[in-house]
Amino acid sequence: FLRTQGPWGQLVSLGNVDLRPLEDGRAVPLSE
């Protein structure tokens, strides 16, 4: 949705944000 719908897609195309995938139940380590 963010990648394909304006104005959010512009944040992606201009590099303001870097989309990172989430997966149900899979932990994202932030630090130790």
ModelCIF file with pLDDT and N, C-alpha, C, O atoms, coordinates in Angstrom:
data_MODEL
#
_entry.id   MODEL 
#
_entity.id                         1 
_entity.type                       polymer 
_entity.pdbx_number_of_molecules   1 
#
_entity_poly.entity_id                      1 
_entity_poly.type                           'polypeptide(L)' 
_entity_poly.nstd_linkage                   no 
_entity_poly.nstd_monomer                   no 
_entity_poly.pdbx_seq_one_letter_code       FLRTQGPWGQLVSLGNVDLRPLEDGRAVPLSE 
_entity_poly.pdbx_seq_one_letter_code_can   FLRTQGPWGQLVSLGNVDLRPLEDGRAVPLSE 
_entity_poly.pdbx_strand_id                 A 
#
loop_
_entity_poly_seq.entity_id 
_entity_poly_seq.num 
_entity_poly_seq.mon_id 
_entity_poly_seq.hetero 
1 1  PHE n 
1 2  LEU n 
1 3  ARG n 
1 4  THR n 
1 5  GLN n 
1 6  GLY n 
1 7  PRO n 
1 8  TRP n 
1 9  GLY n 
1 10 GLN n 
1 11 LEU n 
1 12 VAL n 
1 13 SER n 
1 14 LEU n 
1 15 GLY n 
1 16 ASN n 
1 17 VAL n 
1 18 ASP n 
1 19 LEU n 
1 20 ARG n 
1 21 PRO n 
1 22 LEU n 
1 23 GLU n 
1 24 ASP n 
1 25 GLY n 
1 26 ARG n 
1 27 ALA n 
1 28 VAL n 
1 29 PRO n 
1 30 LEU n 
1 31 SER n 
1 32 GLU n 
#
_struct_asym.id          A 
_struct_asym.entity_id   1 
#
loop_
_ma_qa_metric.id 
_ma_qa_metric.mode 
_ma_qa_metric.name 
_ma_qa_metric.software_group_id 
_ma_qa_metric.type 
1 global pLDDT . pLDDT 
2 local  pLDDT . pLDDT 
#
_ma_qa_metric_global.metric_id      1 
_ma_qa_metric_global.metric_value   96.22 
_ma_qa_metric_global.model_id       1 
_ma_qa_metric_global.ordinal_id     1 
#
loop_
_ma_qa_metric_local.label_asym_id 
_ma_qa_metric_local.label_comp_id 
_ma_qa_metric_local.label_seq_id 
_ma_qa_metric_local.metric_id 
_ma_qa_metric_local.metric_value 
_ma_qa_metric_local.model_id 
_ma_qa_metric_local.ordinal_id 
A PHE 1  2 97.00 1 1  
A LEU 2  2 98.00 1 2  
A ARG 3  2 97.00 1 3  
A THR 4  2 97.00 1 4  
A GLN 5  2 94.00 1 5  
A GLY 6  2 91.00 1 6  
A PRO 7  2 94.00 1 7  
A TRP 8  2 96.00 1 8  
A GLY 9  2 97.00 1 9  
A GLN 10 2 97.00 1 10 
A LEU 11 2 97.00 1 11 
A VAL 12 2 97.00 1 12 
A SER 13 2 97.00 1 13 
A LEU 14 2 97.00 1 14 
A GLY 15 2 97.00 1 15 
A ASN 16 2 97.00 1 16 
A VAL 17 2 97.00 1 17 
A ASP 18 2 97.00 1 18 
A LEU 19 2 98.00 1 19 
A ARG 20 2 97.00 1 20 
A PRO 21 2 96.00 1 21 
A LEU 22 2 98.00 1 22 
A GLU 23 2 97.00 1 23 
A ASP 24 2 97.00 1 24 
A GLY 25 2 96.00 1 25 
A ARG 26 2 97.00 1 26 
A ALA 27 2 97.00 1 27 
A VAL 28 2 97.00 1 28 
A PRO 29 2 97.00 1 29 
A LEU 30 2 96.00 1 30 
A SER 31 2 92.00 1 31 
A GLU 32 2 90.00 1 32 
#
loop_
_atom_site.group_PDB 
_atom_site.id 
_atom_site.type_symbol 
_atom_site.label_atom_id 
_atom_site.label_alt_id 
_atom_site.label_comp_id 
_atom_site.label_asym_id 
_atom_site.label_entity_id 
_atom_site.label_seq_id 
_atom_site.pdbx_PDB_ins_code 
_atom_site.Cartn_x 
_atom_site.Cartn_y 
_atom_site.Cartn_z 
_atom_site.occupancy 
_atom_site.B_iso_or_equiv 
_atom_site.pdbx_formal_charge 
_atom_site.auth_seq_id 
_atom_site.auth_comp_id 
_atom_site.auth_asym_id 
_atom_site.auth_atom_id 
_atom_site.pdbx_PDB_model_num 
ATOM 1   N N  . PHE A 1 1  ? 0.831  -1.198  0.000  1.00 97.00 ? 1  PHE A N  1 
ATOM 2   C CA . PHE A 1 1  ? 0.000  0.000   0.000  1.00 97.00 ? 1  PHE A CA 1 
ATOM 3   C C  . PHE A 1 1  ? 0.873  1.258   0.000  1.00 97.00 ? 1  PHE A C  1 
ATOM 4   O O  . PHE A 1 1  ? 0.624  2.184   -0.772 1.00 97.00 ? 1  PHE A O  1 
ATOM 5   N N  . LEU A 1 2  ? 1.871  1.295   0.841  1.00 98.00 ? 2  LEU A N  1 
ATOM 6   C CA . LEU A 1 2  ? 2.745  2.465   0.908  1.00 98.00 ? 2  LEU A CA 1 
ATOM 7   C C  . LEU A 1 2  ? 3.554  2.630   -0.371 1.00 98.00 ? 2  LEU A C  1 
ATOM 8   O O  . LEU A 1 2  ? 3.804  3.750   -0.817 1.00 98.00 ? 2  LEU A O  1 
ATOM 9   N N  . ARG A 1 3  ? 3.956  1.524   -0.949 1.00 97.00 ? 3  ARG A N  1 
ATOM 10  C CA . ARG A 1 3  ? 4.817  1.575   -2.136 1.00 97.00 ? 3  ARG A CA 1 
ATOM 11  C C  . ARG A 1 3  ? 4.046  2.017   -3.380 1.00 97.00 ? 3  ARG A C  1 
ATOM 12  O O  . ARG A 1 3  ? 4.620  2.640   -4.273 1.00 97.00 ? 3  ARG A O  1 
ATOM 13  N N  . THR A 1 4  ? 2.756  1.702   -3.444 1.00 97.00 ? 4  THR A N  1 
ATOM 14  C CA . THR A 1 4  ? 2.010  1.896   -4.688 1.00 97.00 ? 4  THR A CA 1 
ATOM 15  C C  . THR A 1 4  ? 1.009  3.039   -4.647 1.00 97.00 ? 4  THR A C  1 
ATOM 16  O O  . THR A 1 4  ? 0.518  3.449   -5.699 1.00 97.00 ? 4  THR A O  1 
ATOM 17  N N  . GLN A 1 5  ? 0.690  3.569   -3.473 1.00 94.00 ? 5  GLN A N  1 
ATOM 18  C CA . GLN A 1 5  ? -0.331 4.599   -3.372 1.00 94.00 ? 5  GLN A CA 1 
ATOM 19  C C  . GLN A 1 5  ? 0.296  5.947   -3.020 1.00 94.00 ? 5  GLN A C  1 
ATOM 20  O O  . GLN A 1 5  ? 1.109  6.048   -2.102 1.00 94.00 ? 5  GLN A O  1 
ATOM 21  N N  . GLY A 1 6  ? -0.102 6.988   -3.776 1.00 91.00 ? 6  GLY A N  1 
ATOM 22  C CA . GLY A 1 6  ? 0.375  8.324   -3.440 1.00 91.00 ? 6  GLY A CA 1 
ATOM 23  C C  . GLY A 1 6  ? -0.419 8.902   -2.292 1.00 91.00 ? 6  GLY A C  1 
ATOM 24  O O  . GLY A 1 6  ? -1.586 8.559   -2.099 1.00 91.00 ? 6  GLY A O  1 
ATOM 25  N N  . PRO A 1 7  ? 0.222  9.796   -1.513 1.00 94.00 ? 7  PRO A N  1 
ATOM 26  C CA . PRO A 1 7  ? 1.579  10.317  -1.688 1.00 94.00 ? 7  PRO A CA 1 
ATOM 27  C C  . PRO A 1 7  ? 2.656  9.457   -1.048 1.00 94.00 ? 7  PRO A C  1 
ATOM 28  O O  . PRO A 1 7  ? 3.837  9.804   -1.078 1.00 94.00 ? 7  PRO A O  1 
ATOM 29  N N  . TRP A 1 8  ? 2.247  8.329   -0.465 1.00 96.00 ? 8  TRP A N  1 
ATOM 30  C CA . TRP A 1 8  ? 3.202  7.520   0.305  1.00 96.00 ? 8  TRP A CA 1 
ATOM 31  C C  . TRP A 1 8  ? 4.291  6.946   -0.581 1.00 96.00 ? 8  TRP A C  1 
ATOM 32  O O  . TRP A 1 8  ? 5.442  6.828   -0.160 1.00 96.00 ? 8  TRP A O  1 
ATOM 33  N N  . GLY A 1 9  ? 3.927  6.581   -1.829 1.00 97.00 ? 9  GLY A N  1 
ATOM 34  C CA . GLY A 1 9  ? 4.925  6.016   -2.724 1.00 97.00 ? 9  GLY A CA 1 
ATOM 35  C C  . GLY A 1 9  ? 6.096  6.948   -2.979 1.00 97.00 ? 9  GLY A C  1 
ATOM 36  O O  . GLY A 1 9  ? 7.211  6.494   -3.233 1.00 97.00 ? 9  GLY A O  1 
ATOM 37  N N  . GLN A 1 10 ? 5.848  8.251   -2.912 1.00 97.00 ? 10 GLN A N  1 
ATOM 38  C CA . GLN A 1 10 ? 6.936  9.200   -3.114 1.00 97.00 ? 10 GLN A CA 1 
ATOM 39  C C  . GLN A 1 10 ? 7.957  9.121   -1.985 1.00 97.00 ? 10 GLN A C  1 
ATOM 40  O O  . GLN A 1 10 ? 9.148  9.330   -2.217 1.00 97.00 ? 10 GLN A O  1 
ATOM 41  N N  . LEU A 1 11 ? 7.510  8.825   -0.773 1.00 97.00 ? 11 LEU A N  1 
ATOM 42  C CA . LEU A 1 11 ? 8.450  8.651   0.334  1.00 97.00 ? 11 LEU A CA 1 
ATOM 43  C C  . LEU A 1 11 ? 9.411  7.518   0.038  1.00 97.00 ? 11 LEU A C  1 
ATOM 44  O O  . LEU A 1 11 ? 10.588 7.575   0.394  1.00 97.00 ? 11 LEU A O  1 
ATOM 45  N N  . VAL A 1 12 ? 8.892  6.474   -0.627 1.00 97.00 ? 12 VAL A N  1 
ATOM 46  C CA . VAL A 1 12 ? 9.731  5.324   -0.977 1.00 97.00 ? 12 VAL A CA 1 
ATOM 47  C C  . VAL A 1 12 ? 10.651 5.668   -2.142 1.00 97.00 ? 12 VAL A C  1 
ATOM 48  O O  . VAL A 1 12 ? 11.853 5.412   -2.080 1.00 97.00 ? 12 VAL A O  1 
ATOM 49  N N  . SER A 1 13 ? 10.091 6.248   -3.207 1.00 97.00 ? 13 SER A N  1 
ATOM 50  C CA . SER A 1 13 ? 10.895 6.522   -4.402 1.00 97.00 ? 13 SER A CA 1 
ATOM 51  C C  . SER A 1 13 ? 11.984 7.555   -4.159 1.00 97.00 ? 13 SER A C  1 
ATOM 52  O O  . SER A 1 13 ? 13.040 7.501   -4.790 1.00 97.00 ? 13 SER A O  1 
ATOM 53  N N  . LEU A 1 14 ? 11.739 8.497   -3.249 1.00 97.00 ? 14 LEU A N  1 
ATOM 54  C CA . LEU A 1 14 ? 12.752 9.498   -2.939 1.00 97.00 ? 14 LEU A CA 1 
ATOM 55  C C  . LEU A 1 14 ? 13.720 9.050   -1.841 1.00 97.00 ? 14 LEU A C  1 
ATOM 56  O O  . LEU A 1 14 ? 14.672 9.759   -1.516 1.00 97.00 ? 14 LEU A O  1 
ATOM 57  N N  . GLY A 1 15 ? 13.471 7.881   -1.281 1.00 97.00 ? 15 GLY A N  1 
ATOM 58  C CA . GLY A 1 15 ? 14.377 7.366   -0.264 1.00 97.00 ? 15 GLY A CA 1 
ATOM 59  C C  . GLY A 1 15 ? 14.184 7.975   1.108  1.00 97.00 ? 15 GLY A C  1 
ATOM 60  O O  . GLY A 1 15 ? 15.052 7.831   1.968  1.00 97.00 ? 15 GLY A O  1 
ATOM 61  N N  . ASN A 1 16 ? 13.060 8.657   1.339  1.00 97.00 ? 16 ASN A N  1 
ATOM 62  C CA . ASN A 1 16 ? 12.798 9.177   2.686  1.00 97.00 ? 16 ASN A CA 1 
ATOM 63  C C  . ASN A 1 16 ? 12.626 8.048   3.695  1.00 97.00 ? 16 ASN A C  1 
ATOM 64  O O  . ASN A 1 16 ? 13.017 8.164   4.856  1.00 97.00 ? 16 ASN A O  1 
ATOM 65  N N  . VAL A 1 17 ? 12.024 6.940   3.221  1.00 97.00 ? 17 VAL A N  1 
ATOM 66  C CA . VAL A 1 17 ? 11.828 5.771   4.070  1.00 97.00 ? 17 VAL A CA 1 
ATOM 67  C C  . VAL A 1 17 ? 12.399 4.541   3.371  1.00 97.00 ? 17 VAL A C  1 
ATOM 68  O O  . VAL A 1 17 ? 12.543 4.511   2.149  1.00 97.00 ? 17 VAL A O  1 
ATOM 69  N N  . ASP A 1 18 ? 12.713 3.546   4.160  1.00 97.00 ? 18 ASP A N  1 
ATOM 70  C CA . ASP A 1 18 ? 13.214 2.269   3.661  1.00 97.00 ? 18 ASP A CA 1 
ATOM 71  C C  . ASP A 1 18 ? 12.281 1.189   4.197  1.00 97.00 ? 18 ASP A C  1 
ATOM 72  O O  . ASP A 1 18 ? 12.340 0.853   5.380  1.00 97.00 ? 18 ASP A O  1 
ATOM 73  N N  . LEU A 1 19 ? 11.421 0.642   3.341  1.00 98.00 ? 19 LEU A N  1 
ATOM 74  C CA . LEU A 1 19 ? 10.452 -0.349  3.787  1.00 98.00 ? 19 LEU A CA 1 
ATOM 75  C C  . LEU A 1 19 ? 11.138 -1.654  4.160  1.00 98.00 ? 19 LEU A C  1 
ATOM 76  O O  . LEU A 1 19 ? 11.930 -2.193  3.387  1.00 98.00 ? 19 LEU A O  1 
ATOM 77  N N  . ARG A 1 20 ? 10.833 -2.154  5.338  1.00 97.00 ? 20 ARG A N  1 
ATOM 78  C CA . ARG A 1 20 ? 11.404 -3.407  5.833  1.00 97.00 ? 20 ARG A CA 1 
ATOM 79  C C  . ARG A 1 20 ? 10.260 -4.395  6.072  1.00 97.00 ? 20 ARG A C  1 
ATOM 80  O O  . ARG A 1 20 ? 9.295  -4.043  6.750  1.00 97.00 ? 20 ARG A O  1 
ATOM 81  N N  . PRO A 1 21 ? 10.333 -5.618  5.539  1.00 96.00 ? 21 PRO A N  1 
ATOM 82  C CA . PRO A 1 21 ? 9.215  -6.563  5.650  1.00 96.00 ? 21 PRO A CA 1 
ATOM 83  C C  . PRO A 1 21 ? 9.075  -7.151  7.050  1.00 96.00 ? 21 PRO A C  1 
ATOM 84  O O  . PRO A 1 21 ? 10.061 -7.486  7.707  1.00 96.00 ? 21 PRO A O  1 
ATOM 85  N N  . LEU A 1 22 ? 7.831  -7.266  7.484  1.00 98.00 ? 22 LEU A N  1 
ATOM 86  C CA . LEU A 1 22 ? 7.497  -7.972  8.715  1.00 98.00 ? 22 LEU A CA 1 
ATOM 87  C C  . LEU A 1 22 ? 6.819  -9.285  8.362  1.00 98.00 ? 22 LEU A C  1 
ATOM 88  O O  . LEU A 1 22 ? 6.179  -9.405  7.318  1.00 98.00 ? 22 LEU A O  1 
ATOM 89  N N  . GLU A 1 23 ? 6.965  -10.266 9.241  1.00 97.00 ? 23 GLU A N  1 
ATOM 90  C CA . GLU A 1 23 ? 6.321  -11.564 9.073  1.00 97.00 ? 23 GLU A CA 1 
ATOM 91  C C  . GLU A 1 23 ? 5.646  -11.945 10.378 1.00 97.00 ? 23 GLU A C  1 
ATOM 92  O O  . GLU A 1 23 ? 6.236  -11.834 11.453 1.00 97.00 ? 23 GLU A O  1 
ATOM 93  N N  . ASP A 1 24 ? 4.410  -12.392 10.273 1.00 97.00 ? 24 ASP A N  1 
ATOM 94  C CA . ASP A 1 24 ? 3.644  -12.775 11.449 1.00 97.00 ? 24 ASP A CA 1 
ATOM 95  C C  . ASP A 1 24 ? 4.420  -13.772 12.304 1.00 97.00 ? 24 ASP A C  1 
ATOM 96  O O  . ASP A 1 24 ? 4.799  -14.847 11.839 1.00 97.00 ? 24 ASP A O  1 
ATOM 97  N N  . GLY A 1 25 ? 4.651  -13.396 13.566 1.00 96.00 ? 25 GLY A N  1 
ATOM 98  C CA . GLY A 1 25 ? 5.308  -14.290 14.506 1.00 96.00 ? 25 GLY A CA 1 
ATOM 99  C C  . GLY A 1 25 ? 6.821  -14.305 14.452 1.00 96.00 ? 25 GLY A C  1 
ATOM 100 O O  . GLY A 1 25 ? 7.454  -14.990 15.255 1.00 96.00 ? 25 GLY A O  1 
ATOM 101 N N  . ARG A 1 26 ? 7.418  -13.570 13.530 1.00 97.00 ? 26 ARG A N  1 
ATOM 102 C CA . ARG A 1 26 ? 8.888  -13.565 13.419 1.00 97.00 ? 26 ARG A CA 1 
ATOM 103 C C  . ARG A 1 26 ? 9.465  -12.332 14.100 1.00 97.00 ? 26 ARG A C  1 
ATOM 104 O O  . ARG A 1 26 ? 9.130  -11.204 13.739 1.00 97.00 ? 26 ARG A O  1 
ATOM 105 N N  . ALA A 1 27 ? 10.334 -12.547 15.086 1.00 97.00 ? 27 ALA A N  1 
ATOM 106 C CA . ALA A 1 27 ? 10.903 -11.457 15.864 1.00 97.00 ? 27 ALA A CA 1 
ATOM 107 C C  . ALA A 1 27 ? 11.879 -10.634 15.040 1.00 97.00 ? 27 ALA A C  1 
ATOM 108 O O  . ALA A 1 27 ? 12.620 -11.164 14.213 1.00 97.00 ? 27 ALA A O  1 
ATOM 109 N N  . VAL A 1 28 ? 11.864 -9.331  15.281 1.00 97.00 ? 28 VAL A N  1 
ATOM 110 C CA . VAL A 1 28 ? 12.832 -8.412  14.681 1.00 97.00 ? 28 VAL A CA 1 
ATOM 111 C C  . VAL A 1 28 ? 13.790 -7.976  15.788 1.00 97.00 ? 28 VAL A C  1 
ATOM 112 O O  . VAL A 1 28 ? 13.378 -7.240  16.684 1.00 97.00 ? 28 VAL A O  1 
ATOM 113 N N  . PRO A 1 29 ? 15.040 -8.400  15.756 1.00 97.00 ? 29 PRO A N  1 
ATOM 114 C CA . PRO A 1 29 ? 15.986 -7.973  16.794 1.00 97.00 ? 29 PRO A CA 1 
ATOM 115 C C  . PRO A 1 29 ? 16.355 -6.506  16.616 1.00 97.00 ? 29 PRO A C  1 
ATOM 116 O O  . PRO A 1 29 ? 16.680 -6.072  15.511 1.00 97.00 ? 29 PRO A O  1 
ATOM 117 N N  . LEU A 1 30 ? 16.306 -5.754  17.692 1.00 96.00 ? 30 LEU A N  1 
ATOM 118 C CA . LEU A 1 30 ? 16.675 -4.342  17.661 1.00 96.00 ? 30 LEU A CA 1 
ATOM 119 C C  . LEU A 1 30 ? 18.072 -4.117  18.211 1.00 96.00 ? 30 LEU A C  1 
ATOM 120 O O  . LEU A 1 30 ? 18.841 -3.328  17.662 1.00 96.00 ? 30 LEU A O  1 
ATOM 121 N N  . SER A 1 31 ? 18.396 -4.795  19.272 1.00 92.00 ? 31 SER A N  1 
ATOM 122 C CA . SER A 1 31 ? 19.723 -4.744  19.868 1.00 92.00 ? 31 SER A CA 1 
ATOM 123 C C  . SER A 1 31 ? 19.819 -5.952  20.785 1.00 92.00 ? 31 SER A C  1 
ATOM 124 O O  . SER A 1 31 ? 18.878 -6.739  20.881 1.00 92.00 ? 31 SER A O  1 
ATOM 125 N N  . GLU A 1 32 ? 20.937 -6.099  21.450 1.00 90.00 ? 32 GLU A N  1 
ATOM 126 C CA . GLU A 1 32 ? 21.115 -7.267  22.310 1.00 90.00 ? 32 GLU A CA 1 
ATOM 127 C C  . GLU A 1 32 ? 20.033 -7.294  23.402 1.00 90.00 ? 32 GLU A C  1 
ATOM 128 O O  . GLU A 1 32 ? 20.013 -8.205  24.230 1.00 90.00 ? 32 GLU A O  1 
#
